[in-house]
């Protein structure tokens, strides 16, 4: 019970971070979850909590959601999640984590060059990204930062980015949770922990909403870069500990 209370407090902070930059909640929570419960329980618990967190972000930014990029990304991405969650990896988990870490770091200069040269991601690019990110979402603990350069590259920022990314992530996580259910990974204890942590995450978007409205484009871009750096560091640490 004490452990769950501690996780609830951590989830409050993680939810505020996720509400501000659209991702990062799992990066904060997963190390604590894995430490307390192990990866077999941590992954489905985080999946349930992530569904609830994304529902809250959708509610906070409903009026600003851009549905065309959401559908272009999520429709091909959702079946890819199911495929990824059912796939037996032919390469070690450490290799996947390491490659993701390199990718996160590479996205920082790529995003800045793309912005300077006015590169734009189109709907067809979103569809391809949805398949790739969806498949990886089924395989690994956290791919949230992967969607950040995709949606910001399409030209979304602030509430439009947060709401649109949340709908897409929700659809992907529903596919992942459904697969966990079929595999028998959703015990009563797992669901209970997921709901408690998810309730804390749901508070975050509403706490962060005034900050999002006051944050200018330049500072918002710096926050996104910071999340990508932390995500890369987390992947490299995971690689070293496998």
Protein backbone atom coordinates (compact mmCIF):
# COMPACT_ATOMS: atom_id res chain seq x y z
CA UNK A 1 0.00 0.00 0.00
CA UNK A 2 2.88 2.36 0.83
CA UNK A 3 4.53 1.52 -2.50
CA UNK A 4 1.32 2.34 -4.35
CA UNK A 5 1.03 5.67 -2.49
CA UNK A 6 4.60 6.56 -3.47
CA UNK A 7 3.85 5.65 -7.09
CA UNK A 8 0.74 7.84 -6.97
CA UNK A 9 2.86 10.86 -5.98
CA UNK A 10 5.43 10.11 -8.70
CA UNK A 11 2.56 9.76 -11.18
CA UNK A 12 1.26 13.23 -10.28
CA UNK A 13 4.60 14.75 -11.31
CA UNK A 14 4.80 12.52 -14.39
CA UNK A 15 1.28 13.52 -15.41
CA UNK A 16 2.16 17.21 -15.21
CA UNK A 17 5.21 16.60 -17.43
CA UNK A 18 3.14 14.63 -19.93
CA UNK A 19 0.47 17.31 -19.91
CA UNK A 20 3.06 19.96 -20.73
CA UNK A 21 5.06 18.28 -23.52
CA UNK A 22 2.78 15.43 -24.61
CA UNK A 23 5.10 12.62 -23.51
CA UNK A 24 7.52 11.71 -20.76
CA UNK A 25 5.10 10.22 -18.22
CA UNK A 26 6.24 6.66 -18.88
CA UNK A 27 9.90 7.72 -18.80
CA UNK A 28 9.41 8.96 -15.24
CA UNK A 29 7.19 6.11 -14.05
CA UNK A 30 8.58 3.01 -15.71
CA UNK A 31 11.88 2.82 -13.77
CA UNK A 32 9.96 2.96 -10.47
CA UNK A 33 7.37 0.43 -11.69
CA UNK A 34 10.02 -2.01 -12.90
CA UNK A 35 11.96 -1.63 -9.65
CA UNK A 36 8.87 -2.36 -7.51
CA UNK A 37 6.99 -4.94 -9.57
CA UNK A 38 9.31 -6.20 -12.32
CA UNK A 39 8.85 -5.72 -16.09
CA UNK A 40 6.12 -8.36 -16.55
CA UNK A 41 3.77 -6.38 -14.31
CA UNK A 42 5.16 -2.91 -15.03
CA UNK A 43 4.37 -2.98 -18.76
CA UNK A 44 0.61 -3.74 -18.55
CA UNK A 45 0.22 -1.44 -15.50
CA UNK A 46 1.80 1.40 -17.49
CA UNK A 47 -0.41 0.54 -20.46
CA UNK A 48 -3.60 0.94 -18.41
CA UNK A 49 -2.31 4.15 -16.81
CA UNK A 50 -1.30 5.54 -20.21
CA UNK A 51 -4.82 5.00 -21.58
CA UNK A 52 -6.25 7.06 -18.72
CA UNK A 53 -3.61 9.78 -19.10
CA UNK A 54 -4.37 10.16 -22.79
CA UNK A 55 -8.11 10.36 -22.11
CA UNK A 56 -7.39 13.31 -19.80
CA UNK A 57 -5.23 15.05 -22.41
CA UNK A 58 -7.98 14.57 -24.99
CA UNK A 59 -10.52 16.12 -22.62
CA UNK A 60 -8.20 19.06 -21.90
CA UNK A 61 -7.56 19.88 -25.59
CA UNK A 62 -10.63 18.44 -27.35
CA UNK A 63 -11.45 21.58 -29.34
CA UNK A 64 -7.95 21.84 -30.80
CA UNK A 65 -7.55 18.23 -32.00
CA UNK A 66 -6.65 17.87 -35.69
CA UNK A 67 -8.40 14.72 -36.87
CA UNK A 68 -6.80 14.21 -40.30
CA UNK A 69 -3.27 13.63 -38.95
CA UNK A 70 -4.69 11.57 -36.09
CA UNK A 71 -6.44 9.15 -38.44
CA UNK A 72 -3.53 9.05 -40.90
CA UNK A 73 -1.21 8.02 -38.06
CA UNK A 74 -3.40 5.80 -35.90
CA UNK A 75 -5.37 3.75 -38.44
CA UNK A 76 -2.29 1.93 -39.81
CA UNK A 77 -0.54 2.14 -36.44
CA UNK A 78 -3.12 0.26 -34.35
CA UNK A 79 -2.83 -3.13 -36.13
CA UNK A 80 0.95 -2.67 -36.09
CA UNK A 81 0.80 -2.45 -32.27
CA UNK A 82 -1.01 -5.78 -32.09
CA UNK A 83 1.59 -7.33 -34.39
CA UNK A 84 4.43 -5.92 -32.31
CA UNK A 85 2.94 -7.13 -29.02
CA UNK A 86 2.64 -10.66 -30.42
CA UNK A 87 6.05 -10.75 -32.07
CA UNK A 88 8.92 -12.71 -30.56
CA UNK A 89 11.97 -10.51 -30.95
CA UNK A 90 14.73 -11.97 -33.07
CA UNK A 91 17.21 -9.41 -31.71
CA UNK A 92 18.06 -8.73 -28.05
CA UNK A 93 16.01 -6.13 -26.18
CA UNK A 94 19.22 -4.23 -25.46
CA UNK A 95 19.76 -3.66 -29.20
CA UNK A 96 16.24 -2.23 -29.58
CA UNK A 97 16.72 0.09 -26.59
CA UNK A 98 20.10 1.27 -27.88
CA UNK A 99 18.78 2.02 -31.36
CA UNK A 100 15.86 3.97 -29.89
CA UNK A 101 18.30 6.01 -27.79
CA UNK A 102 20.33 6.93 -30.87
CA UNK A 103 17.14 7.80 -32.73
CA UNK A 104 15.91 10.11 -29.96
CA UNK A 105 19.21 12.03 -29.96
CA UNK A 106 19.28 12.21 -33.76
CA UNK A 107 15.81 13.73 -33.79
CA UNK A 108 17.05 16.89 -32.02
CA UNK A 109 19.22 18.22 -34.90
CA UNK A 110 16.84 16.76 -37.50
CA UNK A 111 13.91 18.70 -36.00
CA UNK A 112 15.92 21.94 -36.00
CA UNK A 113 17.16 21.49 -39.58
CA UNK A 114 13.65 20.62 -40.73
CA UNK A 115 12.28 23.75 -39.05
CA UNK A 116 15.00 25.98 -40.52
CA UNK A 117 14.49 24.61 -44.04
CA UNK A 118 10.71 24.51 -43.65
CA UNK A 119 10.44 20.75 -44.19
CA UNK A 120 6.94 19.48 -43.56
CA UNK A 121 5.70 16.00 -42.79
CA UNK A 122 2.69 15.09 -44.95
CA UNK A 123 -0.21 12.75 -44.25
CA UNK A 124 1.46 9.91 -46.14
CA UNK A 125 4.54 10.30 -43.95
CA UNK A 126 2.32 10.14 -40.86
CA UNK A 127 0.87 6.83 -42.07
CA UNK A 128 4.35 5.31 -42.46
CA UNK A 129 5.41 6.67 -39.06
CA UNK A 130 2.25 5.21 -37.50
CA UNK A 131 3.16 1.71 -38.69
CA UNK A 132 6.75 1.97 -37.44
CA UNK A 133 5.94 3.55 -34.08
CA UNK A 134 2.93 1.27 -33.63
CA UNK A 135 5.04 -1.85 -34.12
CA UNK A 136 7.71 -0.58 -31.71
CA UNK A 137 5.03 0.36 -29.17
CA UNK A 138 4.01 -3.29 -29.10
CA UNK A 139 7.59 -4.40 -28.53
CA UNK A 140 9.17 -2.08 -25.99
CA UNK A 141 8.32 -0.32 -22.74
CA UNK A 142 8.14 3.26 -23.99
CA UNK A 143 8.08 4.84 -27.45
CA UNK A 144 6.23 8.04 -26.51
CA UNK A 145 9.01 10.42 -27.63
CA UNK A 146 8.95 8.84 -31.11
CA UNK A 147 5.62 10.52 -31.88
CA UNK A 148 6.84 13.97 -30.82
CA UNK A 149 8.99 14.78 -33.89
CA UNK A 150 6.32 13.22 -36.13
CA UNK A 151 3.46 15.48 -35.02
CA UNK A 152 5.59 18.59 -34.50
CA UNK A 153 7.07 18.00 -37.97
CA UNK A 154 3.53 18.08 -39.35
CA UNK A 155 3.28 21.59 -37.94
CA UNK A 156 1.35 20.99 -34.71
CA UNK A 157 2.26 22.64 -31.42
CA UNK A 158 0.67 23.54 -28.10
CA UNK A 159 -2.86 22.27 -27.53
CA UNK A 160 -3.28 21.02 -31.12
CA UNK A 161 -0.19 18.84 -30.74
CA UNK A 162 -1.07 17.62 -27.24
CA UNK A 163 -4.66 16.70 -28.12
CA UNK A 164 -3.90 15.11 -31.50
CA UNK A 165 -0.96 13.09 -30.17
CA UNK A 166 -3.09 11.93 -27.23
CA UNK A 167 -5.87 10.55 -29.48
CA UNK A 168 -3.30 8.70 -31.59
CA UNK A 169 -1.54 7.29 -28.53
CA UNK A 170 -4.88 6.25 -27.01
CA UNK A 171 -5.79 4.21 -30.08
CA UNK A 172 -2.37 2.52 -30.10
CA UNK A 173 -2.52 1.70 -26.39
CA UNK A 174 -6.02 0.24 -26.69
CA UNK A 175 -4.58 -2.24 -29.18
CA UNK A 176 -1.74 -3.03 -26.78
CA UNK A 177 -4.04 -3.46 -23.77
CA UNK A 178 -6.32 -5.73 -25.82
CA UNK A 179 -3.33 -7.92 -26.61
CA UNK A 180 -2.31 -8.04 -22.94
CA UNK A 181 -5.85 -9.19 -22.13
CA UNK A 182 -5.67 -11.99 -24.68
CA UNK A 183 -2.31 -13.09 -23.25
CA UNK A 184 -3.76 -13.22 -19.72
CA UNK A 185 -1.52 -10.44 -18.38
CA UNK A 186 -4.35 -8.32 -16.88
CA UNK A 187 -4.82 -9.71 -13.40
CA UNK A 188 -6.93 -7.91 -10.78
CA UNK A 189 -3.78 -6.55 -9.10
CA UNK A 190 -2.41 -5.23 -12.41
CA UNK A 191 -5.69 -3.51 -13.30
CA UNK A 192 -6.00 -1.98 -9.81
CA UNK A 193 -2.48 -0.57 -9.87
CA UNK A 194 -2.99 0.74 -13.39
CA UNK A 195 -6.21 2.52 -12.40
CA UNK A 196 -4.65 4.15 -9.32
CA UNK A 197 -1.60 5.39 -11.23
CA UNK A 198 -3.77 6.40 -14.18
CA UNK A 199 -5.96 8.51 -11.89
CA UNK A 200 -2.88 10.48 -10.81
CA UNK A 201 -1.75 10.90 -14.42
CA UNK A 202 -5.18 12.27 -15.39
CA UNK A 203 -4.70 15.28 -13.11
CA UNK A 204 -1.55 16.37 -14.94
CA UNK A 205 -2.98 17.77 -18.20
CA UNK A 206 -5.33 20.12 -16.36
CA UNK A 207 -2.52 21.32 -14.07
CA UNK A 208 -0.25 21.92 -17.07
CA UNK A 209 -2.83 23.57 -19.36
CA UNK A 210 -2.18 27.17 -18.17
CA UNK A 211 1.58 26.61 -18.63
CA UNK A 212 1.10 25.35 -22.19
CA UNK A 213 -0.89 28.46 -23.08
CA UNK A 214 1.85 30.73 -21.70
CA UNK A 215 4.81 28.90 -23.27
CA UNK A 216 6.10 30.43 -26.51
CA UNK A 217 7.24 28.40 -29.54
CA UNK A 218 10.97 28.65 -28.78
CA UNK A 219 10.70 27.49 -25.18
CA UNK A 220 8.28 24.75 -26.19
CA UNK A 221 10.85 23.45 -28.71
CA UNK A 222 13.50 23.42 -25.96
CA UNK A 223 11.19 21.39 -23.72
CA UNK A 224 10.68 18.85 -26.51
CA UNK A 225 14.46 18.60 -27.00
CA UNK A 226 14.89 18.06 -23.26
CA UNK A 227 12.41 15.19 -23.28
CA UNK A 228 14.25 13.58 -26.21
CA UNK A 229 17.57 13.82 -24.34
CA UNK A 230 16.08 12.23 -21.21
CA UNK A 231 14.42 9.54 -23.33
CA UNK A 232 17.74 8.72 -25.00
CA UNK A 233 19.50 8.54 -21.63
CA UNK A 234 16.82 6.17 -20.35
CA UNK A 235 17.24 3.90 -23.37
CA UNK A 236 21.04 3.82 -22.96
CA UNK A 237 20.70 2.99 -19.25
CA UNK A 238 18.27 0.20 -20.13
CA UNK A 239 20.75 -1.08 -22.72
CA UNK A 240 23.57 -1.13 -20.17
CA UNK A 241 21.51 -2.99 -17.56
CA UNK A 242 20.21 -5.77 -19.85
